[in-house]
Amino acid sequence: MEVKSAVNRILGISPSIRVVTICNMNGSVVYTAHAKRVKNVLSASESRASLRNAAKAWKGRKSLARKLGSCKYVVAEYAKIKRITMPAGRNNLLFVSTTASFDHNKVIRRVRSFR
């Protein structure tokens, strides 16, 4: 699935989805889009740092996959948002930011059905 098309399809799942980003395993953005009404919570530099940190943590999870199995997703719940991290192919990660009250399982189920 083309990256831009996939990101827009994910954004269309629910109005509660704020931002969708695909980055490589170093945390560099491949493509990102956000809902029109969304104001960024983090600055651009904070967002980049957050992506780098999440990519580094994902690499750590990959190193445990031989014993635990591959990681399917991670949900970080903050007071203001939720961030869902999932693999996007072999070399990229998908980040979906939602409102804090949104049922993240809806996004996870839908995204996993895209494959």
Protein backbone atom coordinates (compact mmCIF):
# COMPACT_ATOMS: atom_id res chain seq x y z
CA MET A 1 0.00 0.00 0.00
CA GLU A 2 1.36 3.42 -0.90
CA VAL A 3 2.52 5.37 2.15
CA LYS A 4 0.44 8.52 1.59
CA SER A 5 -2.68 6.49 0.83
CA ALA A 6 -2.17 4.32 3.92
CA VAL A 7 -1.71 7.34 6.18
CA ASN A 8 -4.83 9.04 4.83
CA ARG A 9 -6.81 5.82 5.19
CA ILE A 10 -5.78 5.58 8.85
CA LEU A 11 -6.69 9.23 9.45
CA GLY A 12 -10.14 8.42 8.08
CA ILE A 13 -10.83 5.73 10.66
CA SER A 14 -12.06 8.20 13.27
CA PRO A 15 -12.16 11.93 14.05
CA SER A 16 -10.34 10.99 17.28
CA ILE A 17 -7.18 10.24 15.31
CA ARG A 18 -4.95 13.29 15.53
CA VAL A 19 -1.70 12.47 13.73
CA VAL A 20 -0.36 9.56 11.67
CA THR A 21 3.38 9.29 11.02
CA ILE A 22 5.53 6.70 9.32
CA CYS A 23 9.22 6.82 10.15
CA ASN A 24 12.23 4.63 9.51
CA MET A 25 14.00 2.65 12.22
CA ASN A 26 16.16 5.66 13.08
CA GLY A 27 13.13 7.85 13.74
CA SER A 28 13.40 9.89 10.53
CA VAL A 29 9.98 10.81 9.14
CA VAL A 30 8.99 9.11 5.88
CA TYR A 31 5.53 10.70 5.79
CA THR A 32 3.22 12.40 8.27
CA ALA A 33 -0.26 13.90 8.18
CA HIS A 34 -2.59 15.28 10.79
CA ALA A 35 -6.28 15.99 11.07
CA LYS A 36 -7.17 19.55 10.04
CA ARG A 37 -8.44 20.62 13.44
CA VAL A 38 -5.37 19.38 15.35
CA LYS A 39 -2.91 21.66 17.09
CA ASN A 40 0.46 20.10 17.84
CA VAL A 41 1.09 19.33 21.49
CA LEU A 42 4.85 18.96 20.97
CA SER A 43 7.22 21.25 19.11
CA ALA A 44 8.83 19.94 15.90
CA SER A 45 12.08 19.17 17.74
CA GLU A 46 10.22 17.42 20.57
CA SER A 47 8.32 15.34 18.00
CA ARG A 48 11.56 14.32 16.28
CA ALA A 49 13.12 13.37 19.62
CA SER A 50 10.02 11.36 20.55
CA LEU A 51 10.18 9.46 17.24
CA ARG A 52 13.89 8.73 17.69
CA ASN A 53 13.27 7.46 21.23
CA ALA A 54 10.38 5.27 20.12
CA ALA A 55 12.43 3.83 17.23
CA LYS A 56 15.27 3.05 19.62
CA ALA A 57 12.84 1.32 22.00
CA TRP A 58 11.40 -0.67 19.09
CA LYS A 59 14.88 -1.89 18.17
CA GLY A 60 15.21 -3.12 21.75
CA ARG A 61 11.96 -5.03 21.42
CA LYS A 62 13.17 -6.58 18.17
CA SER A 63 16.23 -7.91 19.98
CA LEU A 64 13.92 -9.86 22.32
CA ALA A 65 11.73 -11.24 19.53
CA ARG A 66 13.61 -14.52 19.33
CA LYS A 67 12.46 -15.36 22.85
CA LEU A 68 9.18 -13.44 23.15
CA GLY A 69 7.92 -13.36 19.58
CA SER A 70 7.64 -10.22 17.52
CA CYS A 71 6.06 -7.15 19.09
CA LYS A 72 2.72 -6.35 17.47
CA TYR A 73 2.13 -2.87 18.89
CA VAL A 74 2.78 -0.59 21.84
CA VAL A 75 0.34 1.89 23.36
CA ALA A 76 1.56 4.85 25.39
CA GLU A 77 -1.26 6.61 27.22
CA TYR A 78 -0.69 10.15 28.42
CA ALA A 79 -3.13 12.54 30.08
CA LYS A 80 -3.76 14.37 26.77
CA ILE A 81 -3.17 11.76 24.05
CA LYS A 82 -2.51 8.11 23.26
CA ARG A 83 0.29 7.06 20.92
CA ILE A 84 0.13 3.70 19.19
CA THR A 85 3.34 2.33 17.66
CA MET A 86 3.25 -0.55 15.19
CA PRO A 87 5.58 -1.98 12.57
CA ALA A 88 4.97 -0.71 9.03
CA GLY A 89 6.70 -3.30 6.91
CA ARG A 90 10.17 -4.51 7.81
CA ASN A 91 12.00 -1.19 8.01
CA ASN A 92 9.45 1.39 9.14
CA LEU A 93 7.26 2.20 12.11
CA LEU A 94 3.73 3.57 12.20
CA PHE A 95 2.76 6.08 14.89
CA VAL A 96 -0.88 6.95 15.44
CA SER A 97 -1.75 9.68 17.91
CA THR A 98 -5.33 9.77 19.19
CA THR A 99 -7.34 11.61 21.79
CA ALA A 100 -6.84 10.20 25.28
CA SER A 101 -10.41 8.88 25.52
CA PHE A 102 -10.40 7.01 22.19
CA ASP A 103 -10.53 3.20 22.21
CA HIS A 104 -7.10 2.42 20.75
CA ASN A 105 -8.16 -1.14 19.97
CA LYS A 106 -10.33 0.20 17.13
CA VAL A 107 -7.26 1.64 15.39
CA ILE A 108 -5.14 -1.43 16.05
CA ARG A 109 -7.75 -3.83 14.64
CA ARG A 110 -8.38 -1.70 11.54
CA VAL A 111 -4.71 -1.08 10.76
CA ARG A 112 -3.82 -4.73 11.18
CA SER A 113 -6.63 -5.65 8.76
CA PHE A 114 -5.08 -3.40 6.06
CA ARG A 115 -2.17 -5.76 5.57
